[in-house]
Protein backbone atom coordinates (compact mmCIF):
# COMPACT_ATOMS: atom_id res chain seq x y z
CA MET A 1 -15.26 -17.15 8.58
CA ASN A 2 -12.24 -15.07 9.29
CA GLN A 3 -11.39 -11.92 7.19
CA GLN A 4 -8.22 -13.70 5.59
CA THR A 5 -10.63 -16.66 4.45
CA LEU A 6 -13.32 -14.34 3.44
CA SER A 7 -10.93 -12.13 1.35
CA ALA A 8 -9.46 -15.23 -0.33
CA PHE A 9 -12.80 -16.50 -1.32
CA ILE A 10 -13.79 -13.31 -2.88
CA TRP A 11 -10.43 -12.97 -4.50
CA SER A 12 -11.18 -16.55 -6.17
CA VAL A 13 -13.75 -14.64 -8.26
CA ALA A 14 -10.78 -13.03 -9.90
CA ASP A 15 -9.86 -16.24 -11.28
CA LEU A 16 -13.14 -16.01 -13.45
CA LEU A 17 -12.36 -12.64 -14.61
CA ARG A 18 -8.75 -13.43 -15.78
CA GLY A 19 -8.56 -12.87 -19.65
CA ASP A 20 -11.79 -10.89 -20.01
CA TYR A 21 -10.77 -8.22 -17.53
CA LYS A 22 -7.44 -6.50 -16.91
CA GLN A 23 -6.29 -6.96 -13.37
CA SER A 24 -6.41 -3.27 -12.56
CA ASP A 25 -10.15 -3.58 -13.49
CA TYR A 26 -10.99 -6.64 -11.10
CA GLY A 27 -12.11 -4.30 -8.43
CA LYS A 28 -14.66 -2.60 -10.54
CA VAL A 29 -16.58 -5.99 -10.35
CA ILE A 30 -15.71 -7.46 -6.97
CA LEU A 31 -16.20 -4.43 -4.93
CA PRO A 32 -19.86 -3.65 -5.89
CA PHE A 33 -20.93 -7.30 -5.67
CA THR A 34 -19.46 -7.51 -2.35
CA VAL A 35 -21.43 -4.70 -1.28
CA LEU A 36 -24.61 -6.00 -2.89
CA ARG A 37 -24.24 -9.37 -1.23
CA ARG A 38 -23.73 -7.81 2.17
CA LEU A 39 -27.02 -5.66 1.55
CA ASP A 40 -28.81 -8.69 0.45
CA CYS A 41 -27.97 -10.59 3.64
CA VAL A 42 -28.63 -7.80 5.99
CA LEU A 43 -32.23 -7.35 4.62
CA GLU A 44 -32.83 -11.04 4.08
CA SER A 45 -34.83 -11.70 7.60
CA THR A 46 -37.07 -8.66 7.06
CA LYS A 47 -37.78 -8.88 3.47
CA PRO A 48 -41.16 -10.91 3.57
CA ALA A 49 -42.38 -8.12 6.20
CA VAL A 50 -41.28 -5.37 3.90
CA LEU A 51 -43.14 -6.82 0.78
CA THR A 52 -46.32 -7.29 2.69
CA GLU A 53 -46.30 -3.70 3.96
CA LEU A 54 -45.77 -2.51 0.56
CA VAL A 55 -48.52 -4.27 -0.76
CA ALA A 56 -50.84 -2.69 2.09
CA LYS A 57 -49.66 0.92 1.95
CA GLN A 58 -49.95 0.73 -1.83
CA ALA A 59 -53.59 -0.42 -1.22
CA GLN A 60 -54.17 2.50 1.07
CA GLY A 61 -52.54 5.01 -1.34
CA VAL A 62 -50.12 6.10 1.17
CA ASN A 63 -46.17 6.85 0.83
CA PRO A 64 -44.85 3.51 1.92
CA GLU A 65 -41.19 4.76 2.48
CA PRO A 66 -41.27 5.59 6.38
CA PHE A 67 -43.16 2.23 6.87
CA LEU A 68 -40.73 0.01 4.90
CA LEU A 69 -37.64 1.56 6.62
CA ARG A 70 -39.45 0.56 9.98
CA LYS A 71 -40.12 -3.05 8.85
CA ALA A 72 -36.65 -3.22 7.38
CA GLY A 73 -35.22 -2.22 10.79
CA GLN A 74 -32.32 -0.28 8.64
CA SER A 75 -32.01 2.85 7.10
CA PHE A 76 -32.42 1.22 3.55
CA TYR A 77 -34.96 -1.30 1.94
CA ASN A 78 -35.54 -3.23 -1.16
CA THR A 79 -38.96 -3.68 -2.75
CA SER A 80 -38.13 -6.40 -5.34
CA THR A 81 -39.09 -10.16 -4.80
CA LEU A 82 -35.81 -10.92 -5.99
CA ASP A 83 -32.56 -11.47 -4.07
CA LEU A 84 -29.16 -13.00 -5.30
CA GLN A 85 -30.05 -16.53 -4.28
CA LYS A 86 -33.43 -16.32 -6.58
CA LEU A 87 -31.57 -14.64 -9.27
CA ARG A 88 -29.68 -17.76 -9.71
CA GLY A 89 -32.86 -19.70 -10.81
CA ASP A 90 -33.21 -17.70 -14.14
CA PRO A 91 -29.96 -17.92 -15.85
CA ASP A 92 -31.12 -16.69 -19.23
CA HIS A 93 -32.45 -13.18 -17.74
CA ILE A 94 -29.73 -12.82 -15.18
CA ALA A 95 -28.98 -9.12 -16.43
CA GLN A 96 -32.60 -7.67 -16.48
CA ASN A 97 -33.35 -9.24 -13.18
CA LEU A 98 -30.21 -8.03 -11.48
CA PHE A 99 -31.03 -4.39 -12.89
CA SER A 100 -34.46 -4.46 -11.50
CA TYR A 101 -33.34 -5.86 -8.26
CA VAL A 102 -30.65 -2.97 -7.82
CA GLN A 103 -33.47 -0.41 -8.83
CA ALA A 104 -35.68 -1.61 -6.22
CA PHE A 105 -33.38 -0.50 -3.48
CA SER A 106 -34.22 2.78 -1.69
CA PRO A 107 -32.37 6.02 -3.30
CA ALA A 108 -29.37 6.22 -1.18
CA VAL A 109 -28.31 2.56 -1.99
CA ARG A 110 -29.00 3.22 -5.83
CA ASP A 111 -26.53 6.06 -5.76
CA VAL A 112 -23.83 3.65 -4.13
CA PHE A 113 -24.19 1.48 -7.27
CA GLU A 114 -24.26 4.38 -9.65
CA ARG A 115 -20.84 5.48 -7.91
CA PHE A 116 -19.52 1.93 -8.76
CA GLU A 117 -20.86 2.34 -12.36
CA PHE A 118 -22.45 -1.08 -11.75
CA HIS A 119 -24.67 -0.89 -14.73
CA THR A 120 -21.72 -0.71 -17.11
CA GLN A 121 -19.88 -3.75 -15.44
CA VAL A 122 -22.97 -5.87 -15.43
CA GLU A 123 -23.25 -5.39 -19.20
CA ARG A 124 -19.71 -5.99 -19.71
CA LEU A 125 -19.84 -9.20 -17.53
CA ALA A 126 -23.02 -10.43 -19.55
CA LYS A 127 -21.30 -9.82 -22.84
CA ALA A 128 -18.49 -11.99 -21.75
CA GLY A 129 -20.91 -14.61 -20.49
CA LEU A 130 -19.48 -14.18 -17.02
CA LEU A 131 -22.63 -12.61 -15.29
CA TYR A 132 -24.34 -15.77 -14.10
CA GLN A 133 -21.16 -17.24 -12.74
CA VAL A 134 -20.05 -14.24 -10.81
CA ALA A 135 -23.37 -13.65 -9.36
CA GLU A 136 -23.68 -17.51 -8.38
CA LYS A 137 -20.39 -17.18 -6.75
CA PHE A 138 -21.46 -14.27 -4.54
CA ALA A 139 -24.82 -15.75 -3.62
CA GLN A 140 -22.98 -18.81 -2.15
CA ILE A 141 -21.02 -16.60 0.49
CA ASP A 142 -22.81 -15.66 3.69
CA LEU A 143 -22.31 -12.05 4.73
CA HIS A 144 -24.99 -11.75 7.23
CA PRO A 145 -23.94 -9.33 10.13
CA GLU A 146 -24.24 -12.36 12.67
CA VAL A 147 -21.62 -14.21 10.60
CA VAL A 148 -19.49 -11.17 9.37
CA SER A 149 -19.59 -8.28 11.98
CA ASN A 150 -19.53 -4.72 10.63
CA MET A 151 -15.84 -4.36 11.90
CA GLN A 152 -14.83 -7.41 10.08
CA MET A 153 -16.69 -6.31 6.88
CA GLY A 154 -14.92 -2.90 7.16
CA LEU A 155 -11.57 -4.83 7.34
CA VAL A 156 -12.29 -6.94 4.48
CA PHE A 157 -13.24 -4.00 2.27
CA GLU A 158 -9.82 -2.36 3.13
CA GLU A 159 -8.06 -5.43 2.26
CA LEU A 160 -9.80 -5.89 -1.04
CA ILE A 161 -9.13 -2.20 -1.89
CA ARG A 162 -5.59 -2.79 -0.83
CA LYS A 163 -5.08 -5.74 -3.05
CA PHE A 164 -6.66 -4.02 -6.11
CA ALA A 165 -4.47 -0.85 -5.44
CA GLU A 166 -1.31 -3.02 -5.28
CA ILE A 167 -2.10 -4.77 -8.78
CA SER A 168 -2.98 -1.65 -10.55
CA ASN A 169 0.10 0.13 -9.14
CA GLU A 170 -2.33 2.81 -7.31
CA THR A 171 -1.62 3.95 -3.74
CA ALA A 172 -3.78 2.14 -1.40
CA GLY A 173 -2.84 4.76 1.35
CA GLU A 174 -4.92 7.09 -0.59
CA HIS A 175 -7.99 5.07 0.46
CA PHE A 176 -7.33 4.18 4.17
CA THR A 177 -5.26 4.47 7.28
CA PRO A 178 -3.97 1.45 9.27
CA ARG A 179 -6.57 0.44 11.93
CA GLU A 180 -4.08 0.62 14.86
CA VAL A 181 -3.17 4.27 13.96
CA ILE A 182 -6.93 5.31 13.95
CA ARG A 183 -7.20 3.53 17.32
CA LEU A 184 -4.44 5.74 18.64
CA MET A 185 -5.94 8.94 17.18
CA VAL A 186 -9.40 8.04 18.64
CA ASN A 187 -8.01 7.49 21.89
CA LEU A 188 -5.96 10.69 21.93
CA ILE A 189 -9.21 12.71 20.94
CA PHE A 190 -11.51 11.16 23.37
CA ILE A 191 -9.27 10.70 26.41
CA GLU A 192 -9.62 13.99 28.00
CA ASP A 193 -13.46 13.84 27.56
CA ASP A 194 -14.17 10.50 29.26
CA ALA A 195 -16.27 12.03 31.92
CA ILE A 196 -18.56 13.90 29.41
CA LEU A 197 -18.73 10.86 26.75
CA SER A 198 -19.74 8.31 30.02
CA LYS A 199 -22.90 10.40 30.54
CA PRO A 200 -26.06 8.55 29.29
CA GLY A 201 -27.48 9.84 26.17
CA VAL A 202 -24.69 11.93 25.15
CA VAL A 203 -24.84 12.85 21.34
CA ARG A 204 -21.63 13.97 19.66
CA THR A 205 -20.63 14.69 16.04
CA ILE A 206 -17.34 13.64 14.40
CA TYR A 207 -16.20 14.45 10.87
CA ASP A 208 -13.65 13.34 8.43
CA PRO A 209 -12.82 15.37 5.35
CA THR A 210 -10.90 12.66 3.57
CA ALA A 211 -13.15 9.69 4.65
CA GLY A 212 -11.94 7.11 2.27
CA THR A 213 -13.94 3.88 3.01
CA GLY A 214 -14.82 5.37 6.33
CA GLY A 215 -12.37 3.58 8.52
CA MET A 216 -11.79 6.49 10.82
CA LEU A 217 -15.39 7.20 11.51
CA SER A 218 -16.23 3.50 12.10
CA VAL A 219 -13.44 2.93 14.69
CA ALA A 220 -14.52 6.17 16.43
CA GLY A 221 -18.05 4.82 16.70
CA GLU A 222 -16.79 1.47 17.88
CA TYR A 223 -14.71 3.29 20.60
CA LEU A 224 -17.62 5.15 21.86
CA ALA A 225 -20.02 2.14 21.66
CA GLU A 226 -17.52 0.11 23.95
CA HIS A 227 -17.16 2.81 26.36
CA ASN A 228 -20.77 4.06 26.51
CA PRO A 229 -23.49 2.02 24.74
CA GLN A 230 -26.01 4.77 25.31
CA ALA A 231 -23.97 7.41 23.74
CA ARG A 232 -24.49 8.49 20.12
CA LEU A 233 -22.09 9.45 17.44
CA THR A 234 -23.20 11.08 14.39
CA VAL A 235 -20.78 10.88 11.65
CA PHE A 236 -20.01 13.24 8.87
CA GLY A 237 -17.61 13.05 5.92
CA GLN A 238 -16.52 13.52 2.46
CA GLU A 239 -14.66 11.65 -0.05
CA LEU A 240 -13.32 12.30 -3.71
CA ASN A 241 -12.78 8.65 -4.87
CA PRO A 242 -15.92 7.19 -6.16
CA GLU A 243 -15.34 3.78 -5.16
CA SER A 244 -14.22 4.58 -1.69
CA TYR A 245 -17.26 6.92 -1.46
CA ALA A 246 -19.65 4.18 -2.41
CA ILE A 247 -18.01 1.74 0.09
CA CYS A 248 -18.07 4.37 2.81
CA LYS A 249 -21.70 5.21 2.07
CA ALA A 250 -22.68 1.55 2.26
CA ASP A 251 -20.94 0.88 5.37
CA MET A 252 -22.71 3.78 6.95
CA LEU A 253 -26.20 2.74 5.63
CA ILE A 254 -25.56 -0.93 7.24
CA LYS A 255 -24.65 0.97 10.59
CA GLY A 256 -27.84 3.04 10.56
CA GLN A 257 -26.03 6.33 10.22
CA ASP A 258 -27.52 9.15 7.85
CA VAL A 259 -25.84 8.73 4.68
CA GLY A 260 -26.86 12.20 3.67
CA ASN A 261 -23.85 13.19 6.07
CA ILE A 262 -21.37 11.62 3.67
CA ALA A 263 -20.69 14.01 0.79
CA PHE A 264 -18.99 13.25 -2.56
CA GLY A 265 -16.39 15.60 -4.15
CA ASN A 266 -13.28 17.49 -3.53
CA THR A 267 -13.29 19.02 0.10
CA LEU A 268 -10.81 21.79 -0.72
CA SER A 269 -12.74 23.17 -3.60
CA ASP A 270 -16.34 22.15 -2.74
CA ASP A 271 -17.07 21.79 0.90
CA GLY A 272 -19.87 19.35 1.26
CA HIS A 273 -20.51 20.57 4.82
CA GLY A 274 -20.10 24.28 4.53
CA ASN A 275 -21.02 26.27 7.57
CA LYS A 276 -21.12 23.09 9.78
CA LYS A 277 -18.91 22.79 12.93
CA PHE A 278 -18.12 19.41 14.84
CA ASP A 279 -17.30 18.31 18.19
CA TYR A 280 -14.43 15.90 17.08
CA MET A 281 -12.66 15.38 13.79
CA LEU A 282 -10.12 12.96 12.35
CA SER A 283 -8.18 13.01 9.03
CA ASN A 284 -5.43 11.37 7.06
CA PRO A 285 -4.91 13.69 4.11
CA PRO A 286 -2.79 12.59 1.20
CA PHE A 287 0.92 13.54 1.74
CA GLY A 288 2.99 15.48 -0.38
CA VAL A 289 0.06 15.79 -3.15
CA GLU A 290 -0.03 18.83 -5.19
CA TRP A 291 -3.19 21.04 -5.16
CA LYS A 292 -2.82 22.62 -8.64
CA LYS A 293 -6.21 21.37 -9.72
CA VAL A 294 -7.93 23.27 -6.91
CA GLU A 295 -5.69 26.04 -6.81
CA LYS A 296 -7.99 28.65 -8.67
CA GLU A 297 -10.80 27.94 -5.89
CA VAL A 298 -8.58 27.90 -3.04
CA ARG A 299 -6.75 31.16 -3.78
CA LYS A 300 -10.05 32.98 -4.47
CA GLU A 301 -11.35 31.73 -1.05
CA HIS A 302 -8.05 32.84 0.52
CA GLU A 303 -8.17 36.37 -1.26
CA SER A 304 -11.81 37.09 -1.05
CA GLN A 305 -12.79 35.85 2.41
CA GLY A 306 -9.54 35.99 4.32
CA TYR A 307 -10.39 34.80 7.87
CA ASN A 308 -14.23 34.54 7.27
CA GLY A 309 -13.02 31.58 4.84
CA ARG A 310 -11.11 28.38 5.54
CA PHE A 311 -7.76 29.69 4.44
CA GLY A 312 -7.30 33.02 6.20
CA PRO A 313 -4.03 32.24 7.95
CA GLY A 314 -2.00 31.41 4.73
CA LEU A 315 -1.43 28.99 1.90
CA PRO A 316 1.30 26.32 1.77
CA ARG A 317 3.32 25.92 -1.38
CA VAL A 318 1.46 24.01 -4.47
CA SER A 319 3.55 20.89 -4.08
CA ASP A 320 1.94 19.73 -0.69
CA GLY A 321 -1.71 20.40 0.05
CA SER A 322 -1.82 18.59 3.46
CA MET A 323 -1.72 21.82 5.45
CA LEU A 324 -4.95 22.91 3.53
CA PHE A 325 -6.71 20.14 5.38
CA LEU A 326 -5.36 21.44 8.60
CA LEU A 327 -6.73 24.75 7.78
CA HIS A 328 -10.22 23.25 6.63
CA LEU A 329 -10.47 21.33 10.11
CA LEU A 330 -9.63 24.49 12.00
CA SER A 331 -12.51 26.24 10.20
CA LYS A 332 -14.79 23.41 11.38
CA MET A 333 -14.01 23.72 15.07
CA ARG A 334 -17.18 24.86 17.33
CA PRO A 335 -16.44 27.92 19.12
CA THR A 336 -15.53 27.61 22.63
CA SER A 337 -18.56 29.20 23.93
CA GLU A 338 -20.48 26.24 22.27
CA GLY A 339 -18.23 23.61 23.79
CA GLY A 340 -15.15 23.67 21.37
CA SER A 341 -13.69 20.92 19.31
CA ARG A 342 -10.78 18.61 19.24
CA PHE A 343 -9.29 17.00 16.37
CA GLY A 344 -6.41 14.53 15.18
CA ILE A 345 -4.64 14.89 11.89
CA VAL A 346 -1.75 12.74 10.46
CA LEU A 347 0.87 14.94 8.55
CA ASN A 348 4.39 14.14 7.22
CA GLY A 349 7.40 15.92 8.42
CA SER A 350 7.21 19.04 6.19
CA PRO A 351 4.37 20.76 7.81
CA LEU A 352 6.55 20.98 11.04
CA PHE A 353 9.34 22.93 9.57
CA THR A 354 9.00 23.76 5.87
CA GLY A 355 8.92 27.42 4.68
CA GLY A 356 10.92 30.20 6.31
CA ALA A 357 9.55 33.24 8.32
CA GLY A 358 6.47 34.81 6.54
CA SER A 359 5.96 31.84 4.04
CA GLY A 360 2.40 30.24 4.09
CA GLU A 361 3.48 27.38 6.15
CA SER A 362 5.22 29.34 8.91
CA GLU A 363 2.04 31.51 9.00
CA ILE A 364 -0.12 28.52 9.43
CA ARG A 365 2.10 27.38 12.24
CA ARG A 366 2.07 30.85 13.78
CA TYR A 367 -1.81 30.86 13.77
CA VAL A 368 -1.91 27.62 15.40
CA LEU A 369 0.58 28.35 18.09
CA GLU A 370 -0.33 31.90 18.97
CA ASN A 371 -4.06 30.98 19.39
CA ASP A 372 -2.83 28.08 21.53
CA LEU A 373 -4.55 25.40 19.67
CA CYS A 374 -1.89 22.66 19.49
CA GLU A 375 -1.93 20.17 22.54
CA ALA A 376 0.29 17.53 21.30
CA ILE A 377 2.25 16.21 18.18
CA VAL A 378 3.03 12.35 18.28
CA GLY A 379 5.88 11.19 16.22
CA LEU A 380 5.09 7.81 14.88
CA PRO A 381 7.54 4.92 13.48
CA THR A 382 8.58 4.97 9.85
CA ASP A 383 6.94 2.01 7.64
CA MET A 384 3.62 2.42 9.32
CA PHE A 385 1.41 3.38 6.12
CA TYR A 386 0.67 1.18 2.97
CA ASN A 387 2.06 3.70 0.49
CA THR A 388 4.93 5.36 2.16
CA GLY A 389 7.92 4.52 4.62
CA ILE A 390 8.41 8.07 5.68
CA SER A 391 7.99 9.52 9.32
CA THR A 392 4.53 10.71 10.10
CA TYR A 393 3.18 12.70 13.05
CA VAL A 394 -0.41 12.99 14.51
CA TRP A 395 -1.18 16.50 15.55
CA ILE A 396 -3.90 16.98 18.12
CA ILE A 397 -5.49 20.27 18.02
CA SER A 398 -8.11 21.76 20.46
CA ASN A 399 -9.62 25.03 21.22
CA ARG A 400 -10.65 23.88 24.64
CA LYS A 401 -7.50 22.70 26.12
CA PRO A 402 -7.63 21.61 29.87
CA GLU A 403 -5.88 24.34 32.20
CA ALA A 404 -2.75 22.70 32.73
CA ARG A 405 -2.05 22.41 28.76
CA LYS A 406 -2.87 26.21 28.19
CA GLY A 407 0.07 27.88 26.42
CA LYS A 408 2.02 24.52 26.16
CA VAL A 409 2.64 22.00 23.59
CA GLN A 410 3.57 18.22 24.32
CA LEU A 411 5.88 16.61 21.98
CA ILE A 412 5.76 12.79 22.17
CA ASP A 413 8.44 10.57 20.26
CA ALA A 414 6.94 7.07 19.67
CA SER A 415 9.10 6.44 16.74
CA GLY A 416 10.68 3.45 18.78
CA MET A 417 7.36 2.02 19.72
CA TRP A 418 6.50 -0.76 17.14
CA GLN A 419 6.53 -4.41 16.46
CA LYS A 420 7.52 -5.99 13.12
CA MET A 421 4.55 -7.37 11.17
CA ARG A 422 4.50 -10.94 10.28
CA LYS A 423 4.00 -9.98 6.47
CA SER A 424 4.68 -6.73 4.92
CA LEU A 425 1.72 -5.01 3.26
CA GLY A 426 3.05 -2.56 0.65
CA SER A 427 5.37 -0.14 2.46
CA LYS A 428 3.91 -1.03 5.88
CA ARG A 429 6.32 -3.39 7.64
CA LYS A 430 5.61 -2.07 11.49
CA GLU A 431 2.51 -1.83 13.44
CA LEU A 432 1.72 -0.54 16.86
CA SER A 433 0.69 -3.30 19.44
CA ASP A 434 -2.29 -2.61 21.95
CA ALA A 435 0.40 -2.02 24.56
CA HIS A 436 2.15 0.66 22.48
CA ILE A 437 -1.23 2.44 21.87
CA GLU A 438 -1.87 2.40 25.75
CA ARG A 439 1.50 3.70 26.53
CA ILE A 440 1.29 6.66 23.96
CA THR A 441 -2.09 7.39 25.29
CA ARG A 442 -0.94 7.33 28.83
CA LEU A 443 1.92 9.53 27.97
CA PHE A 444 -0.53 12.04 26.56
CA GLY A 445 -2.94 11.70 29.55
CA ASP A 446 -0.26 12.27 32.05
CA PHE A 447 0.95 15.35 30.35
CA ALA A 448 4.44 15.06 31.77
CA GLU A 449 8.05 14.93 30.61
CA ALA A 450 8.99 11.32 30.47
CA HIS A 451 12.03 9.13 29.58
CA ASP A 452 12.53 5.67 28.17
CA ASP A 453 14.32 3.09 30.12
CA ASP A 454 17.94 3.95 28.75
CA GLY A 455 17.28 7.45 29.59
CA THR A 456 16.39 9.01 26.17
CA PRO A 457 13.35 11.44 26.26
CA ILE A 458 9.95 10.39 24.96
CA SER A 459 7.75 13.07 26.09
CA ARG A 460 8.86 16.92 26.31
CA ILE A 461 6.73 19.84 26.95
CA PHE A 462 7.32 23.33 25.80
CA ASP A 463 5.72 26.85 25.94
CA ASN A 464 4.27 27.72 22.64
CA GLU A 465 6.81 30.79 22.10
CA ALA A 466 9.58 28.16 22.18
CA PHE A 467 8.88 27.59 18.49
CA GLY A 468 8.74 31.15 17.42
CA TYR A 469 11.59 33.20 16.18
CA HIS A 470 12.36 36.70 14.85
CA ALA A 471 14.16 36.46 11.05
CA ILE A 472 16.39 39.50 11.25
CA THR A 473 18.38 40.95 8.32
CA VAL A 474 21.75 41.70 9.23
CA GLU A 475 23.30 44.47 6.95
CA ARG A 476 27.05 45.45 6.27
CA PRO A 477 28.23 48.64 4.80
CA LEU A 478 28.88 49.03 1.14
CA ARG A 479 32.52 50.30 0.80
CA ASP A 480 34.31 52.13 -2.31
CA GLU A 481 37.75 51.03 -3.65
CA ALA A 482 39.33 52.95 -1.16
CA GLY A 483 37.59 51.05 1.66
CA ASN A 484 35.27 54.14 2.77
CA VAL A 485 31.63 53.50 3.59
CA VAL A 486 29.26 54.69 0.78
CA LEU A 487 26.69 57.06 2.04
CA GLY A 488 23.34 57.69 0.41
CA VAL A 489 22.88 60.93 -1.38
CA LYS A 490 18.82 61.24 -1.76
CA GLY A 491 15.79 61.19 0.32
CA LYS A 492 15.53 59.03 3.47
CA GLN A 493 18.95 57.37 2.62
CA LYS A 494 20.77 60.74 2.66
CA GLY A 495 23.78 60.63 4.73
CA LYS A 496 23.18 57.00 5.78
CA PRO A 497 25.60 54.04 5.22
CA GLN A 498 24.37 52.04 2.00
CA PRO A 499 23.99 48.09 2.61
CA ASP A 500 26.35 45.87 0.50
CA ALA A 501 23.95 43.24 -0.73
CA SER A 502 26.63 40.68 -1.08
CA LEU A 503 27.35 40.73 2.70
CA ARG A 504 23.73 40.83 3.71
CA ASP A 505 22.97 37.83 6.09
CA THR A 506 19.73 36.84 8.02
CA GLU A 507 19.58 35.44 11.54
CA ASN A 508 16.87 33.51 13.39
CA VAL A 509 16.55 34.93 16.78
CA PRO A 510 14.48 32.81 19.48
CA TYR A 511 11.27 34.54 20.10
CA THR A 512 12.08 34.47 23.95
CA GLU A 513 15.10 36.49 23.45
CA ASP A 514 15.66 40.07 23.18
CA VAL A 515 16.77 40.92 19.54
CA GLY A 516 19.08 43.75 20.63
CA GLU A 517 20.82 41.67 23.34
CA TYR A 518 21.16 38.67 20.68
CA PHE A 519 22.67 41.03 18.07
CA ARG A 520 25.26 42.57 20.40
CA ARG A 521 26.31 39.22 21.76
CA GLU A 522 26.30 36.99 18.51
CA VAL A 523 27.08 39.53 15.57
CA LEU A 524 28.67 42.71 16.66
CA PRO A 525 32.00 40.96 17.83
CA HIS A 526 32.51 39.49 14.40
CA ALA A 527 31.00 42.34 12.44
CA PRO A 528 31.33 45.84 14.41
CA ASP A 529 29.84 47.80 11.37
CA ALA A 530 26.92 45.66 11.22
CA TRP A 531 23.23 46.83 11.80
CA ILE A 532 19.55 45.29 11.53
CA ASP A 533 17.06 46.50 8.99
CA PRO A 534 13.90 46.61 11.08
CA GLU A 535 11.82 46.86 7.94
CA LYS A 536 12.91 43.30 7.00
CA THR A 537 12.34 41.50 10.45
CA LYS A 538 9.64 38.84 10.16
CA VAL A 539 8.15 36.24 12.73
CA GLY A 540 8.54 32.72 11.80
CA TYR A 541 7.47 29.60 13.69
CA GLU A 542 8.86 25.95 13.22
CA ILE A 543 8.73 22.81 15.14
CA PRO A 544 12.13 21.16 15.20
CA PHE A 545 10.67 17.80 16.37
CA ASN A 546 13.61 15.59 16.22
CA ARG A 547 16.24 18.02 17.53
CA HIS A 548 14.20 18.11 20.75
CA PHE A 549 14.80 14.23 21.13
CA TYR A 550 18.37 14.04 20.00
CA VAL A 551 20.67 12.74 22.60
CA PHE A 552 24.45 13.26 21.99
CA LYS A 553 26.37 9.93 22.52
CA PRO A 554 30.23 10.52 22.84
CA PRO A 555 32.25 8.68 20.49
CA ARG A 556 34.21 5.63 21.95
CA PRO A 557 37.78 6.53 23.28
CA LEU A 558 40.43 6.25 20.40
CA ALA A 559 42.52 3.71 22.53
CA GLU A 560 39.50 1.33 22.34
CA ILE A 561 39.04 1.83 18.58
CA ASP A 562 42.90 1.32 18.04
CA ALA A 563 42.78 -1.98 20.06
CA GLU A 564 39.88 -3.23 18.09
CA LEU A 565 41.42 -2.31 14.74
CA LYS A 566 44.70 -4.13 15.80
CA GLN A 567 42.61 -7.01 16.64
CA THR A 568 40.92 -7.16 13.35
CA THR A 569 44.36 -6.52 11.38
CA ASP A 570 46.17 -9.34 13.44
CA ARG A 571 43.33 -11.76 12.34
CA ILE A 572 43.53 -10.84 8.72
CA LEU A 573 47.47 -11.14 8.89
CA ASP A 574 46.92 -14.74 10.46
CA MET A 575 44.51 -15.54 7.80
CA ILE A 576 46.94 -14.58 5.02
CA LYS A 577 49.61 -16.64 6.70
CA GLY A 578 47.40 -19.66 6.69
CA LEU A 579 46.74 -19.23 2.89
CA SER A 580 50.34 -18.80 1.89
CA ALA A 581 51.36 -21.81 4.04
């Protein structure tokens, strides 16, 4: 059964709910029942052995848990004699039986259903007389891993969440990232480590602080399993949305990951993995979302802990918290002496250039570039995400750059690499094909300047300093009515020309240029009485991504335009003549 058929079947359950449930509440029923049926099918073959083992261990008076896990062959089990098929045999007691069945799962699974508030939904369905019909519908579908692979199941969950988000006017993009974008990011963070990751028995950690339904962690796991089946990737994550968290946790349970590594809560105000460091990290934080709710905790950490906390370099404006996630990931990097880390984060355009010298954003960029942490920034096409059509950028950050990359930043413009989707999904109209992903990965791997077939640049390499500048304050003297320069009369200012605030100006001098030389060349010829106030000079950093890929195309010759205009007007005149005739 393919993903669309499966989603369509599960969606048909919505027809049962229509009238008794608002459309925006369908997900509260369909998502937990889909998870329940999946777990039901996963445990089906080992259920008899688990029940036999339970009886034996209870008779011996020993804790049965480790033995049951071994018999189940999973990181969870269920000790009830019931399953969804058997529940159909007793319509009159469906609610009680369903509760006792869910309670018989191991604790990690029970937590999943608590996050879904499953108990409340079961009672509501029972009151509406719908519980038996819904349970029966799900019992009919086979979600066994041999029929529906883990990867397919992940896509089904994403498809369902997207549909529910659409009908309740929520933003589906808060929950997940398009799979092809994740595949690209995974390629970019792993490509330079192919030799290490190919060794048998290698164990690495990966972390996503905005885990959603676990898509990024799953794709990273699939990539490694494909390249080296003997490698082990231990996943860690944190998620704020209870339903996404429940799905992520269920998905990890089925894949045999330790679900204790998936924390619930707000990563910025309550780090679920304090003091932990990771080999690899991936994140698609919400774009342009304000962080007012967590402002108190974030500011407190910034002020009291400085660089010992997560937010030492600076704080962005409250209207967009995406750079806080960048800082959070920087704090989770392993020290270089312990092997270092690499991570990929998706950001919108504003972290590249928002904020002048001395602002929080500029200071964060300064920290990243002066510490030589940015390997590359890849500009993606517009209309790639479900909830926004804006331009997005993947930043690849590492504290273990290969020798050739040291002191350099690679910018890759992949905005022209896309294919149109057969059917739009929300704001998502474009996608990356396998060939596009391969091409971008190769451009990154080659680490060389490159041009498209038509000569436009698509890969450029810069020194870190190329993005820095000195913001200088240029003063002009205050003059009295007679045009004479007003001099200071007190203290340090005595005898010195006083600045005229209305004539004050600022100039950004490229970091690589001598400020004095720039001033003599660019300012003094136009304002011979000007001077620089050195106390106001600040260092700033910005990455004008698009400017570096702009290619000037000269306008067409006037004669050509005139000829075209004449042709058009002649045609119009002929048409008018025809009408009047």
